[in-house]
Structures are given as C-alpha cells and as structure tokens.
Amino acid sequence: MPRLPRILINGCIYHVYQRGNNKEFIFKNDKHKAFLIKQLKEYNKRFDYKVLGYVIMDNHYHLIIRTNNDYIDKIMFNINSVVAKFINRELQRTGHVYESRYGCEVVDNDPYLIWLLRYVHRNPVRAGICEKVTDYRWSSNIFYQRNINSFVDINFILNILSSNRFEAIKKYLNLMDISGCDNDKIKDFDFIKSAFRLDDVNKNTNSNKVDDFQRLTLNDIFNSINIPEDIRELILKGSRGKSLIPYKIEFIKLALYNKYSLYEIGNFLNTSADALRKFRNYHKINVE
C-alpha cells in the first residue's frame, strides 16, 4: 500500500514519535538523551515552534509540538538529521539510525491533548522502568511538576486544566498518578476523560480545522527555505552556479524527505532527473 501524503499546516499541534532502526537502543545512555533535548532547545531559536511535552526512552522518543510559522517536516528533518549523525558517530556505526520516517499525528482537541501528555509521561511506567512518573528523568514531567516554563511550554496545557495555577498543577499530578488502563490506550483515554470530566473542556485545540489542511508541496518546501530572491530565480531557471549549491542541497534533502521523486524534483528545478541524480551522488545527499 502506498504511503499516504503527510498532512501539514502551520499553527497545529502534533504527536511526533520516532523509533530506532530494528528497535535498536539509539539513546542508550544519558549523553544521547541529553543531546536530543539540546537540539529541541537549539532549533527552537531557528524555527518557530513550542514543545508541549516529551519523553526519551532507550529506543524511541515521543514529542508533543505546537508549530507556529514553520512546518513540522522542516523542524523534524533538521532535528532528526543532526541527532542521527551524532548517534552514528557516538556508536561508531553507519547506516540508518531510525526505523523509518517519524510518525506524526494531528492533535485536534483538548481532551485528547490532556490524555496524550499523560500517555507520553507514563511511557517509562508502562515499560516497567519505574513505578512513578516522577522517578524518570528524561521527560518533561519535571517542568510541569515544578511549574517551570522554559523551552517546554507548560502554560498551554495547564491553562486548559485550570485558570488557577495551583489547581492546574494539582490536577496534572493527579492525572499522572491515577491508576488507569496503561495496557489499553482506548480504555485509558475513556477512563481519564470520565474521571477528569474532559468533555467539559474546550474541544478545539487548534485554530484550524483538520479539513482545511493541505499537503506540503514542493513550492511550500522551496518557500520554507531562507533563500535570497535573486538566487531563488536562478535556481528555478536551472542555473548551475556554485553559490546556488547549498540552497539546492537543502531543498533536495527536504523534498526527498517528503518522498518526492527525482523526476518530480527535477521538473520543479528545470533540470533532468539524470542530472539531479548525478548532483545528489556527487554531494552525497542522503536522507534518513
């Protein structure tokens, strides 16, 4: 079955998850986990997004990200690429670090968002690594527990729980500790929705409806890259100047990451697929 086109739009909340290739322990020590967290912080200076929650396990991670003026694919492409290079270097390995393209689901209502934060933070509990959420270091729980608003935006979800911060944190802690159905996501969601009366909260987390989403086109990808206007025109005319190479490489990487063929990319850049293939091989353009 062909892969369905990814649904993308600015100003949306996503549940992003990524697993190591062959379920390998790609985050097998604290240094590896800390590096991923560092990239979430560093790329937040370059791209416009908010981290609402995360957990980093030994062989996978979960993120809850709210995008603003940058597409989720552009954000995750850059973060995953630099992390993959770091992991390969650290573990003295080659080849694909990740199992496949990252998983991505739209979060379009507040009850699900609240439960999702519980699901993400309780990953170590479900895995039998610890008994309580507070016992695990590599999640965003500590920011919520201690009311620390930093690179993790705790305000968004806590304000949904209550306008009173003391009450919001109290509800959050109860949300993390209450026994539910960790082995069944549907039953756990239904239990939490009932126990916390989540039907009473606002059901429209995103300002845009899912029906209004559009696929990220090659033109979207091209426009998402910060390219001077004069250089943009030269690239689209099929010019081959050396000054154009870095921009072409970034565009081709993003386009390949979105599963566009060399033929489609070549048509967009006014060049042949064969010339593009030679360019890709010469500059060693690889995509995780």
C-alpha atoms as a PDB file:
ATOM      1  CA  MET A   1       0.000   0.000   0.000  1.00  0.00           C
ATOM      2  CA  PRO A   2       1.496   3.412  -0.912  1.00  0.00           C
ATOM      3  CA  ARG A   3       2.336   5.803   1.907  1.00  0.00           C
ATOM      4  CA  LEU A   4      -0.385   8.402   2.419  1.00  0.00           C
ATOM      5  CA  PRO A   5       0.705  12.040   1.977  1.00  0.00           C
ATOM      6  CA  ARG A   6       1.548  13.691   5.264  1.00  0.00           C
ATOM      7  CA  ILE A   7      -0.926  16.338   6.439  1.00  0.00           C
ATOM      8  CA  LEU A   8       0.868  19.565   7.273  1.00  0.00           C
ATOM      9  CA  ILE A   9      -0.059  23.085   8.305  1.00  0.00           C
ATOM     10  CA  ASN A  10       1.331  25.860  10.464  1.00  0.00           C
ATOM     11  CA  GLY A  11      -0.278  26.585  13.815  1.00  0.00           C
ATOM     12  CA  CYS A  12      -1.068  22.979  14.680  1.00  0.00           C
ATOM     13  CA  ILE A  13      -0.278  20.527  17.494  1.00  0.00           C
ATOM     14  CA  TYR A  14       1.360  17.201  16.631  1.00  0.00           C
ATOM     15  CA  HIS A  15       2.209  13.997  18.438  1.00  0.00           C
ATOM     16  CA  VAL A  16       5.583  13.043  16.955  1.00  0.00           C
ATOM     17  CA  TYR A  17       7.275   9.710  17.613  1.00  0.00           C
ATOM     18  CA  GLN A  18      10.442   8.103  16.299  1.00  0.00           C
ATOM     19  CA  ARG A  19      11.910   4.628  16.865  1.00  0.00           C
ATOM     20  CA  GLY A  20      15.438   3.351  16.365  1.00  0.00           C
ATOM     21  CA  ASN A  21      16.117   1.126  13.350  1.00  0.00           C
ATOM     22  CA  ASN A  22      15.392  -2.522  14.205  1.00  0.00           C
ATOM     23  CA  LYS A  23      14.312  -1.224  17.624  1.00  0.00           C
ATOM     24  CA  GLU A  24      17.965  -0.543  18.490  1.00  0.00           C
ATOM     25  CA  PHE A  25      18.856   1.368  21.663  1.00  0.00           C
ATOM     26  CA  ILE A  26      19.922   4.579  19.937  1.00  0.00           C
ATOM     27  CA  PHE A  27      19.558   6.594  23.153  1.00  0.00           C
ATOM     28  CA  LYS A  28      21.345   4.058  25.293  1.00  0.00           C
ATOM     29  CA  ASN A  29      22.990   6.493  27.697  1.00  0.00           C
ATOM     30  CA  ASP A  30      22.359   9.889  29.278  1.00  0.00           C
ATOM     31  CA  LYS A  31      24.643  11.673  26.821  1.00  0.00           C
ATOM     32  CA  HIS A  32      22.499  10.572  23.869  1.00  0.00           C
ATOM     33  CA  LYS A  33      19.252  11.600  25.544  1.00  0.00           C
ATOM     34  CA  ALA A  34      20.707  14.954  26.605  1.00  0.00           C
ATOM     35  CA  PHE A  35      21.838  15.629  23.031  1.00  0.00           C
ATOM     36  CA  LEU A  36      18.293  15.263  21.692  1.00  0.00           C
ATOM     37  CA  ILE A  37      16.975  17.644  24.358  1.00  0.00           C
ATOM     38  CA  LYS A  38      19.715  20.120  23.454  1.00  0.00           C
ATOM     39  CA  GLN A  39      18.596  20.043  19.800  1.00  0.00           C
ATOM     40  CA  LEU A  40      14.982  20.696  20.786  1.00  0.00           C
ATOM     41  CA  LYS A  41      16.242  23.816  22.561  1.00  0.00           C
ATOM     42  CA  GLU A  42      18.709  24.927  19.884  1.00  0.00           C
ATOM     43  CA  TYR A  43      16.410  24.538  16.886  1.00  0.00           C
ATOM     44  CA  ASN A  44      13.718  26.448  18.754  1.00  0.00           C
ATOM     45  CA  LYS A  45      15.946  29.501  18.185  1.00  0.00           C
ATOM     46  CA  ARG A  46      15.860  28.880  14.436  1.00  0.00           C
ATOM     47  CA  PHE A  47      12.316  27.622  13.939  1.00  0.00           C
ATOM     48  CA  ASP A  48       9.018  28.806  15.356  1.00  0.00           C
ATOM     49  CA  TYR A  49       7.537  26.033  17.499  1.00  0.00           C
ATOM     50  CA  LYS A  50       6.680  25.148  21.083  1.00  0.00           C
ATOM     51  CA  VAL A  51       7.488  21.881  22.845  1.00  0.00           C
ATOM     52  CA  LEU A  52       4.499  20.955  24.998  1.00  0.00           C
ATOM     53  CA  GLY A  53       5.881  17.640  26.217  1.00  0.00           C
ATOM     54  CA  TYR A  54       8.438  14.890  25.582  1.00  0.00           C
ATOM     55  CA  VAL A  55       9.849  11.605  26.794  1.00  0.00           C
ATOM     56  CA  ILE A  56      13.063   9.965  25.589  1.00  0.00           C
ATOM     57  CA  MET A  57      13.330   6.204  26.008  1.00  0.00           C
ATOM     58  CA  ASP A  58      16.291   3.989  25.100  1.00  0.00           C
ATOM     59  CA  ASN A  59      14.986   3.044  21.657  1.00  0.00           C
ATOM     60  CA  HIS A  60      12.405   5.735  20.836  1.00  0.00           C
ATOM     61  CA  TYR A  61      11.028   9.133  21.761  1.00  0.00           C
ATOM     62  CA  HIS A  62       7.686  10.949  21.872  1.00  0.00           C
ATOM     63  CA  LEU A  63       7.190  14.697  21.389  1.00  0.00           C
ATOM     64  CA  ILE A  64       4.175  16.969  21.598  1.00  0.00           C
ATOM     65  CA  ILE A  65       4.946  20.000  19.418  1.00  0.00           C
ATOM     66  CA  ARG A  66       2.899  23.060  18.560  1.00  0.00           C
ATOM     67  CA  THR A  67       4.029  24.662  15.296  1.00  0.00           C
ATOM     68  CA  ASN A  68       3.638  28.347  14.510  1.00  0.00           C
ATOM     69  CA  ASN A  69       5.349  29.721  11.404  1.00  0.00           C
ATOM     70  CA  ASP A  70       7.328  26.640  10.336  1.00  0.00           C
ATOM     71  CA  TYR A  71       6.175  23.264   9.040  1.00  0.00           C
ATOM     72  CA  ILE A  72       6.634  20.214  11.249  1.00  0.00           C
ATOM     73  CA  ASP A  73       8.522  18.359   8.475  1.00  0.00           C
ATOM     74  CA  LYS A  74      11.130  21.100   8.247  1.00  0.00           C
ATOM     75  CA  ILE A  75      11.560  21.123  12.040  1.00  0.00           C
ATOM     76  CA  MET A  76      11.826  17.347  12.410  1.00  0.00           C
ATOM     77  CA  PHE A  77      14.035  16.919   9.347  1.00  0.00           C
ATOM     78  CA  ASN A  78      16.666  19.190  10.858  1.00  0.00           C
ATOM     79  CA  ILE A  79      16.451  17.771  14.392  1.00  0.00           C
ATOM     80  CA  ASN A  80      16.456  14.128  13.281  1.00  0.00           C
ATOM     81  CA  SER A  81      19.309  14.682  10.826  1.00  0.00           C
ATOM     82  CA  VAL A  82      21.714  16.188  13.362  1.00  0.00           C
ATOM     83  CA  VAL A  83      20.756  13.606  16.006  1.00  0.00           C
ATOM     84  CA  ALA A  84      21.284  10.727  13.530  1.00  0.00           C
ATOM     85  CA  LYS A  85      24.791  11.965  12.671  1.00  0.00           C
ATOM     86  CA  PHE A  86      25.612  12.308  16.376  1.00  0.00           C
ATOM     87  CA  ILE A  87      24.338   8.809  17.195  1.00  0.00           C
ATOM     88  CA  ASN A  88      26.276   7.207  14.335  1.00  0.00           C
ATOM     89  CA  ARG A  89      29.437   8.979  15.429  1.00  0.00           C
ATOM     90  CA  GLU A  90      28.962   8.110  19.103  1.00  0.00           C
ATOM     91  CA  LEU A  91      28.138   4.441  18.482  1.00  0.00           C
ATOM     92  CA  GLN A  92      30.713   4.118  15.689  1.00  0.00           C
ATOM     93  CA  ARG A  93      28.077   2.820  13.307  1.00  0.00           C
ATOM     94  CA  THR A  94      26.862   3.592   9.787  1.00  0.00           C
ATOM     95  CA  GLY A  95      23.526   3.365   8.022  1.00  0.00           C
ATOM     96  CA  HIS A  96      20.037   4.354   9.044  1.00  0.00           C
ATOM     97  CA  VAL A  97      19.557   5.340  12.674  1.00  0.00           C
ATOM     98  CA  TYR A  98      15.762   5.465  12.533  1.00  0.00           C
ATOM     99  CA  GLU A  99      13.292   2.742  11.657  1.00  0.00           C
ATOM    100  CA  SER A 100      11.551   4.924   9.072  1.00  0.00           C
ATOM    101  CA  ARG A 101      10.179   8.410   8.683  1.00  0.00           C
ATOM    102  CA  TYR A 102       8.998   9.792  12.004  1.00  0.00           C
ATOM    103  CA  GLY A 103       5.390   9.134  12.979  1.00  0.00           C
ATOM    104  CA  CYS A 104       3.143  12.166  13.180  1.00  0.00           C
ATOM    105  CA  GLU A 105      -0.467  12.558  14.309  1.00  0.00           C
ATOM    106  CA  VAL A 106      -2.564  15.708  14.482  1.00  0.00           C
ATOM    107  CA  VAL A 107      -3.927  16.596  17.941  1.00  0.00           C
ATOM    108  CA  ASP A 108      -7.189  18.407  17.226  1.00  0.00           C
ATOM    109  CA  ASN A 109      -8.974  18.578  20.579  1.00  0.00           C
ATOM    110  CA  ASP A 110      -8.143  19.404  24.191  1.00  0.00           C
ATOM    111  CA  PRO A 111      -9.389  16.191  25.882  1.00  0.00           C
ATOM    112  CA  TYR A 112      -7.056  14.138  23.698  1.00  0.00           C
ATOM    113  CA  LEU A 113      -4.170  16.576  24.250  1.00  0.00           C
ATOM    114  CA  ILE A 114      -4.532  16.285  28.025  1.00  0.00           C
ATOM    115  CA  TRP A 115      -4.619  12.490  27.855  1.00  0.00           C
ATOM    116  CA  LEU A 116      -1.698  12.464  25.394  1.00  0.00           C
ATOM    117  CA  LEU A 117       0.530  14.277  27.895  1.00  0.00           C
ATOM    118  CA  ARG A 118      -0.313  11.539  30.404  1.00  0.00           C
ATOM    119  CA  TYR A 119       0.442   8.862  27.803  1.00  0.00           C
ATOM    120  CA  VAL A 120       3.813  10.416  26.911  1.00  0.00           C
ATOM    121  CA  HIS A 121       4.944  10.943  30.501  1.00  0.00           C
ATOM    122  CA  ARG A 122       3.821   7.476  31.595  1.00  0.00           C
ATOM    123  CA  ASN A 123       5.928   5.680  28.953  1.00  0.00           C
ATOM    124  CA  PRO A 124       8.618   4.672  31.478  1.00  0.00           C
ATOM    125  CA  VAL A 125       5.937   3.406  33.897  1.00  0.00           C
ATOM    126  CA  ARG A 126       4.336   1.256  31.205  1.00  0.00           C
ATOM    127  CA  ALA A 127       7.771  -0.086  30.257  1.00  0.00           C
ATOM    128  CA  GLY A 128       8.417  -1.140  33.862  1.00  0.00           C
ATOM    129  CA  ILE A 129      11.411   1.179  34.203  1.00  0.00           C
ATOM    130  CA  CYS A 130       9.970   2.982  37.210  1.00  0.00           C
ATOM    131  CA  GLU A 131       6.890   2.963  39.414  1.00  0.00           C
ATOM    132  CA  LYS A 132       6.043   6.673  39.187  1.00  0.00           C
ATOM    133  CA  VAL A 133       6.322   9.342  36.522  1.00  0.00           C
ATOM    134  CA  THR A 134       8.378  11.459  38.913  1.00  0.00           C
ATOM    135  CA  ASP A 135      11.059   8.734  39.064  1.00  0.00           C
ATOM    136  CA  TYR A 136      12.069   9.163  35.416  1.00  0.00           C
ATOM    137  CA  ARG A 137      14.495  11.915  34.497  1.00  0.00           C
ATOM    138  CA  TRP A 138      14.191  12.074  30.709  1.00  0.00           C
ATOM    139  CA  SER A 139      10.741  13.543  30.279  1.00  0.00           C
ATOM    140  CA  SER A 140       9.166  16.979  30.545  1.00  0.00           C
ATOM    141  CA  ASN A 141       7.314  15.978  33.719  1.00  0.00           C
ATOM    142  CA  ILE A 142       9.649  17.946  35.967  1.00  0.00           C
ATOM    143  CA  PHE A 143       8.726  21.225  34.221  1.00  0.00           C
ATOM    144  CA  TYR A 144       5.022  20.648  34.905  1.00  0.00           C
ATOM    145  CA  GLN A 145       5.594  19.306  38.408  1.00  0.00           C
ATOM    146  CA  ARG A 146       7.706  22.301  39.451  1.00  0.00           C
ATOM    147  CA  ASN A 147       5.856  24.921  37.393  1.00  0.00           C
ATOM    148  CA  ILE A 148       8.919  25.758  35.268  1.00  0.00           C
ATOM    149  CA  ASN A 149       8.119  27.423  31.937  1.00  0.00           C
ATOM    150  CA  SER A 150      11.258  27.198  29.808  1.00  0.00           C
ATOM    151  CA  PHE A 151      11.790  25.639  26.375  1.00  0.00           C
ATOM    152  CA  VAL A 152       8.861  23.422  27.386  1.00  0.00           C
ATOM    153  CA  ASP A 153       5.675  25.478  27.233  1.00  0.00           C
ATOM    154  CA  ILE A 154       3.729  24.234  30.270  1.00  0.00           C
ATOM    155  CA  ASN A 155       1.226  27.097  30.179  1.00  0.00           C
ATOM    156  CA  PHE A 156      -0.739  25.833  27.201  1.00  0.00           C
ATOM    157  CA  ILE A 157      -1.911  22.547  28.766  1.00  0.00           C
ATOM    158  CA  LEU A 158      -2.010  23.718  32.395  1.00  0.00           C
ATOM    159  CA  ASN A 159      -4.298  26.607  31.406  1.00  0.00           C
ATOM    160  CA  ILE A 160      -6.670  24.082  29.874  1.00  0.00           C
ATOM    161  CA  LEU A 161      -6.772  22.162  33.160  1.00  0.00           C
ATOM    162  CA  SER A 162      -7.499  25.288  35.200  1.00  0.00           C
ATOM    163  CA  SER A 163      -7.060  29.056  35.131  1.00  0.00           C
ATOM    164  CA  ASN A 164      -5.775  28.750  38.707  1.00  0.00           C
ATOM    165  CA  ARG A 165      -2.172  27.550  38.517  1.00  0.00           C
ATOM    166  CA  PHE A 166      -2.225  25.782  41.904  1.00  0.00           C
ATOM    167  CA  GLU A 167      -5.349  23.845  40.879  1.00  0.00           C
ATOM    168  CA  ALA A 168      -3.904  23.129  37.431  1.00  0.00           C
ATOM    169  CA  ILE A 169      -0.736  21.555  38.837  1.00  0.00           C
ATOM    170  CA  LYS A 170      -2.783  19.607  41.365  1.00  0.00           C
ATOM    171  CA  LYS A 171      -4.904  18.196  38.529  1.00  0.00           C
ATOM    172  CA  TYR A 172      -1.784  17.478  36.487  1.00  0.00           C
ATOM    173  CA  LEU A 173      -0.163  15.482  39.298  1.00  0.00           C
ATOM    174  CA  ASN A 174      -3.364  13.512  39.786  1.00  0.00           C
ATOM    175  CA  LEU A 175      -3.515  12.918  36.031  1.00  0.00           C
ATOM    176  CA  MET A 176      -0.042  11.366  36.128  1.00  0.00           C
ATOM    177  CA  ASP A 177      -0.560   9.261  39.271  1.00  0.00           C
ATOM    178  CA  ILE A 178      -4.091   7.944  38.936  1.00  0.00           C
ATOM    179  CA  SER A 179      -4.378   4.269  38.009  1.00  0.00           C
ATOM    180  CA  GLY A 180      -5.988   3.810  34.635  1.00  0.00           C
ATOM    181  CA  CYS A 181      -5.546   1.247  31.865  1.00  0.00           C
ATOM    182  CA  ASP A 182      -1.927   1.613  30.752  1.00  0.00           C
ATOM    183  CA  ASN A 183      -2.105  -1.549  28.636  1.00  0.00           C
ATOM    184  CA  ASP A 184      -5.066  -0.267  26.578  1.00  0.00           C
ATOM    185  CA  LYS A 185      -4.931   3.265  25.168  1.00  0.00           C
ATOM    186  CA  ILE A 186      -8.609   3.466  24.243  1.00  0.00           C
ATOM    187  CA  LYS A 187      -9.789   2.294  27.671  1.00  0.00           C
ATOM    188  CA  ASP A 188      -7.287   4.586  29.388  1.00  0.00           C
ATOM    189  CA  PHE A 189      -8.486   7.603  27.386  1.00  0.00           C
ATOM    190  CA  ASP A 190     -12.123   6.820  28.164  1.00  0.00           C
ATOM    191  CA  PHE A 191     -11.298   6.390  31.855  1.00  0.00           C
ATOM    192  CA  ILE A 192      -9.340   9.649  32.070  1.00  0.00           C
ATOM    193  CA  LYS A 193     -11.952  11.550  30.066  1.00  0.00           C
ATOM    194  CA  SER A 194     -14.617  10.432  32.538  1.00  0.00           C
ATOM    195  CA  ALA A 195     -12.548  10.812  35.727  1.00  0.00           C
ATOM    196  CA  PHE A 196     -11.406  14.343  34.849  1.00  0.00           C
ATOM    197  CA  ARG A 197     -14.626  15.360  33.093  1.00  0.00           C
ATOM    198  CA  LEU A 198     -12.684  16.232  29.962  1.00  0.00           C
ATOM    199  CA  ASP A 199     -15.875  16.535  27.951  1.00  0.00           C
ATOM    200  CA  ASP A 200     -16.340  19.853  29.741  1.00  0.00           C
ATOM    201  CA  VAL A 201     -13.128  21.400  28.374  1.00  0.00           C
ATOM    202  CA  ASN A 202     -12.733  23.144  25.048  1.00  0.00           C
ATOM    203  CA  LYS A 203     -12.623  20.560  22.259  1.00  0.00           C
ATOM    204  CA  ASN A 204     -10.891  22.677  19.600  1.00  0.00           C
ATOM    205  CA  THR A 205      -7.183  22.897  20.433  1.00  0.00           C
ATOM    206  CA  ASN A 206      -6.188  24.231  17.004  1.00  0.00           C
ATOM    207  CA  SER A 207      -7.481  27.339  15.336  1.00  0.00           C
ATOM    208  CA  ASN A 208      -7.513  25.485  12.011  1.00  0.00           C
ATOM    209  CA  LYS A 209      -9.757  22.514  11.309  1.00  0.00           C
ATOM    210  CA  VAL A 210      -8.295  19.258  10.015  1.00  0.00           C
ATOM    211  CA  ASP A 211     -10.421  19.607   6.863  1.00  0.00           C
ATOM    212  CA  ASP A 212      -8.527  22.809   5.990  1.00  0.00           C
ATOM    213  CA  PHE A 213      -5.079  21.128   5.959  1.00  0.00           C
ATOM    214  CA  GLN A 214      -3.048  20.984   2.762  1.00  0.00           C
ATOM    215  CA  ARG A 215      -0.166  18.757   1.793  1.00  0.00           C
ATOM    216  CA  LEU A 216       3.290  20.344   1.821  1.00  0.00           C
ATOM    217  CA  THR A 217       4.052  20.913  -1.876  1.00  0.00           C
ATOM    218  CA  LEU A 218       7.449  21.368  -3.499  1.00  0.00           C
ATOM    219  CA  ASN A 219       6.657  25.068  -3.686  1.00  0.00           C
ATOM    220  CA  ASP A 220       5.894  25.047   0.072  1.00  0.00           C
ATOM    221  CA  ILE A 221       9.241  23.382   0.735  1.00  0.00           C
ATOM    222  CA  PHE A 222      11.101  25.821  -1.504  1.00  0.00           C
ATOM    223  CA  ASN A 223       9.465  28.831   0.157  1.00  0.00           C
ATOM    224  CA  SER A 224      10.246  27.495   3.626  1.00  0.00           C
ATOM    225  CA  ILE A 225      13.984  27.877   2.960  1.00  0.00           C
ATOM    226  CA  ASN A 226      15.525  31.305   3.536  1.00  0.00           C
ATOM    227  CA  ILE A 227      16.836  31.983   0.017  1.00  0.00           C
ATOM    228  CA  PRO A 228      17.653  35.470  -1.340  1.00  0.00           C
ATOM    229  CA  GLU A 229      15.253  36.497  -4.115  1.00  0.00           C
ATOM    230  CA  ASP A 230      17.922  36.763  -6.830  1.00  0.00           C
ATOM    231  CA  ILE A 231      19.214  33.282  -6.016  1.00  0.00           C
ATOM    232  CA  ARG A 232      15.682  31.857  -5.975  1.00  0.00           C
ATOM    233  CA  GLU A 233      15.148  32.975  -9.560  1.00  0.00           C
ATOM    234  CA  LEU A 234      18.435  31.441 -10.708  1.00  0.00           C
ATOM    235  CA  ILE A 235      17.660  28.107  -9.041  1.00  0.00           C
ATOM    236  CA  LEU A 236      14.193  27.890 -10.594  1.00  0.00           C
ATOM    237  CA  LYS A 237      15.695  28.663 -14.038  1.00  0.00           C
ATOM    238  CA  GLY A 238      18.002  25.654 -13.726  1.00  0.00           C
ATOM    239  CA  SER A 239      21.231  27.640 -13.272  1.00  0.00           C
ATOM    240  CA  ARG A 240      24.314  25.785 -12.004  1.00  0.00           C
ATOM    241  CA  GLY A 241      26.346  28.453 -10.180  1.00  0.00           C
ATOM    242  CA  LYS A 242      28.395  27.407  -7.158  1.00  0.00           C
ATOM    243  CA  SER A 243      26.636  29.940  -4.939  1.00  0.00           C
ATOM    244  CA  LEU A 244      23.378  28.046  -5.519  1.00  0.00           C
ATOM    245  CA  ILE A 245      24.660  24.661  -4.328  1.00  0.00           C
ATOM    246  CA  PRO A 246      23.969  24.971  -0.545  1.00  0.00           C
ATOM    247  CA  TYR A 247      20.372  26.069  -1.192  1.00  0.00           C
ATOM    248  CA  LYS A 248      19.831  23.313  -3.748  1.00  0.00           C
ATOM    249  CA  ILE A 249      21.149  20.701  -1.335  1.00  0.00           C
ATOM    250  CA  GLU A 250      18.821  21.828   1.461  1.00  0.00           C
ATOM    251  CA  PHE A 251      15.826  21.871  -0.872  1.00  0.00           C
ATOM    252  CA  ILE A 252      16.598  18.452  -2.363  1.00  0.00           C
ATOM    253  CA  LYS A 253      17.051  16.941   1.102  1.00  0.00           C
ATOM    254  CA  LEU A 254      13.685  18.256   2.269  1.00  0.00           C
ATOM    255  CA  ALA A 255      11.971  17.176  -0.949  1.00  0.00           C
ATOM    256  CA  LEU A 256      13.407  13.650  -0.751  1.00  0.00           C
ATOM    257  CA  TYR A 257      12.454  13.504   2.920  1.00  0.00           C
ATOM    258  CA  ASN A 258       8.876  14.197   1.830  1.00  0.00           C
ATOM    259  CA  LYS A 259       9.126  11.273  -0.614  1.00  0.00           C
ATOM    260  CA  TYR A 260       9.239  13.258  -3.839  1.00  0.00           C
ATOM    261  CA  SER A 261      10.927  11.502  -6.757  1.00  0.00           C
ATOM    262  CA  LEU A 262      13.994  12.834  -8.573  1.00  0.00           C
ATOM    263  CA  TYR A 263      11.778  13.258 -11.645  1.00  0.00           C
ATOM    264  CA  GLU A 264       9.330  15.488  -9.714  1.00  0.00           C
ATOM    265  CA  ILE A 265      12.146  17.492  -8.095  1.00  0.00           C
ATOM    266  CA  GLY A 266      13.920  17.840 -11.452  1.00  0.00           C
ATOM    267  CA  ASN A 267      10.790  19.220 -13.109  1.00  0.00           C
ATOM    268  CA  PHE A 268      10.443  21.782 -10.336  1.00  0.00           C
ATOM    269  CA  LEU A 269      14.105  22.860 -10.702  1.00  0.00           C
ATOM    270  CA  ASN A 270      14.040  22.816 -14.508  1.00  0.00           C
ATOM    271  CA  THR A 271      16.622  20.069 -14.751  1.00  0.00           C
ATOM    272  CA  SER A 272      16.595  16.393 -15.701  1.00  0.00           C
ATOM    273  CA  ALA A 273      16.274  13.541 -13.243  1.00  0.00           C
ATOM    274  CA  ASP A 274      19.603  12.190 -14.522  1.00  0.00           C
ATOM    275  CA  ALA A 275      21.403  15.497 -13.849  1.00  0.00           C
ATOM    276  CA  LEU A 276      19.768  15.645 -10.422  1.00  0.00           C
ATOM    277  CA  ARG A 277      20.889  12.080  -9.673  1.00  0.00           C
ATOM    278  CA  LYS A 278      24.484  12.972 -10.522  1.00  0.00           C
ATOM    279  CA  PHE A 279      24.227  16.123  -8.349  1.00  0.00           C
ATOM    280  CA  ARG A 280      22.845  14.043  -5.454  1.00  0.00           C
ATOM    281  CA  ASN A 281      25.594  11.420  -5.725  1.00  0.00           C
ATOM    282  CA  TYR A 282      28.382  13.995  -6.071  1.00  0.00           C
ATOM    283  CA  HIS A 283      27.286  15.936  -2.993  1.00  0.00           C
ATOM    284  CA  LYS A 284      26.380  12.749  -1.094  1.00  0.00           C
ATOM    285  CA  ILE A 285      22.844  13.850  -0.320  1.00  0.00           C
ATOM    286  CA  ASN A 286      21.396  11.192   1.950  1.00  0.00           C
ATOM    287  CA  VAL A 287      18.127  11.290   3.836  1.00  0.00           C
ATOM    288  CA  GLU A 288      17.318   9.290   6.999  1.00  0.00           C
END
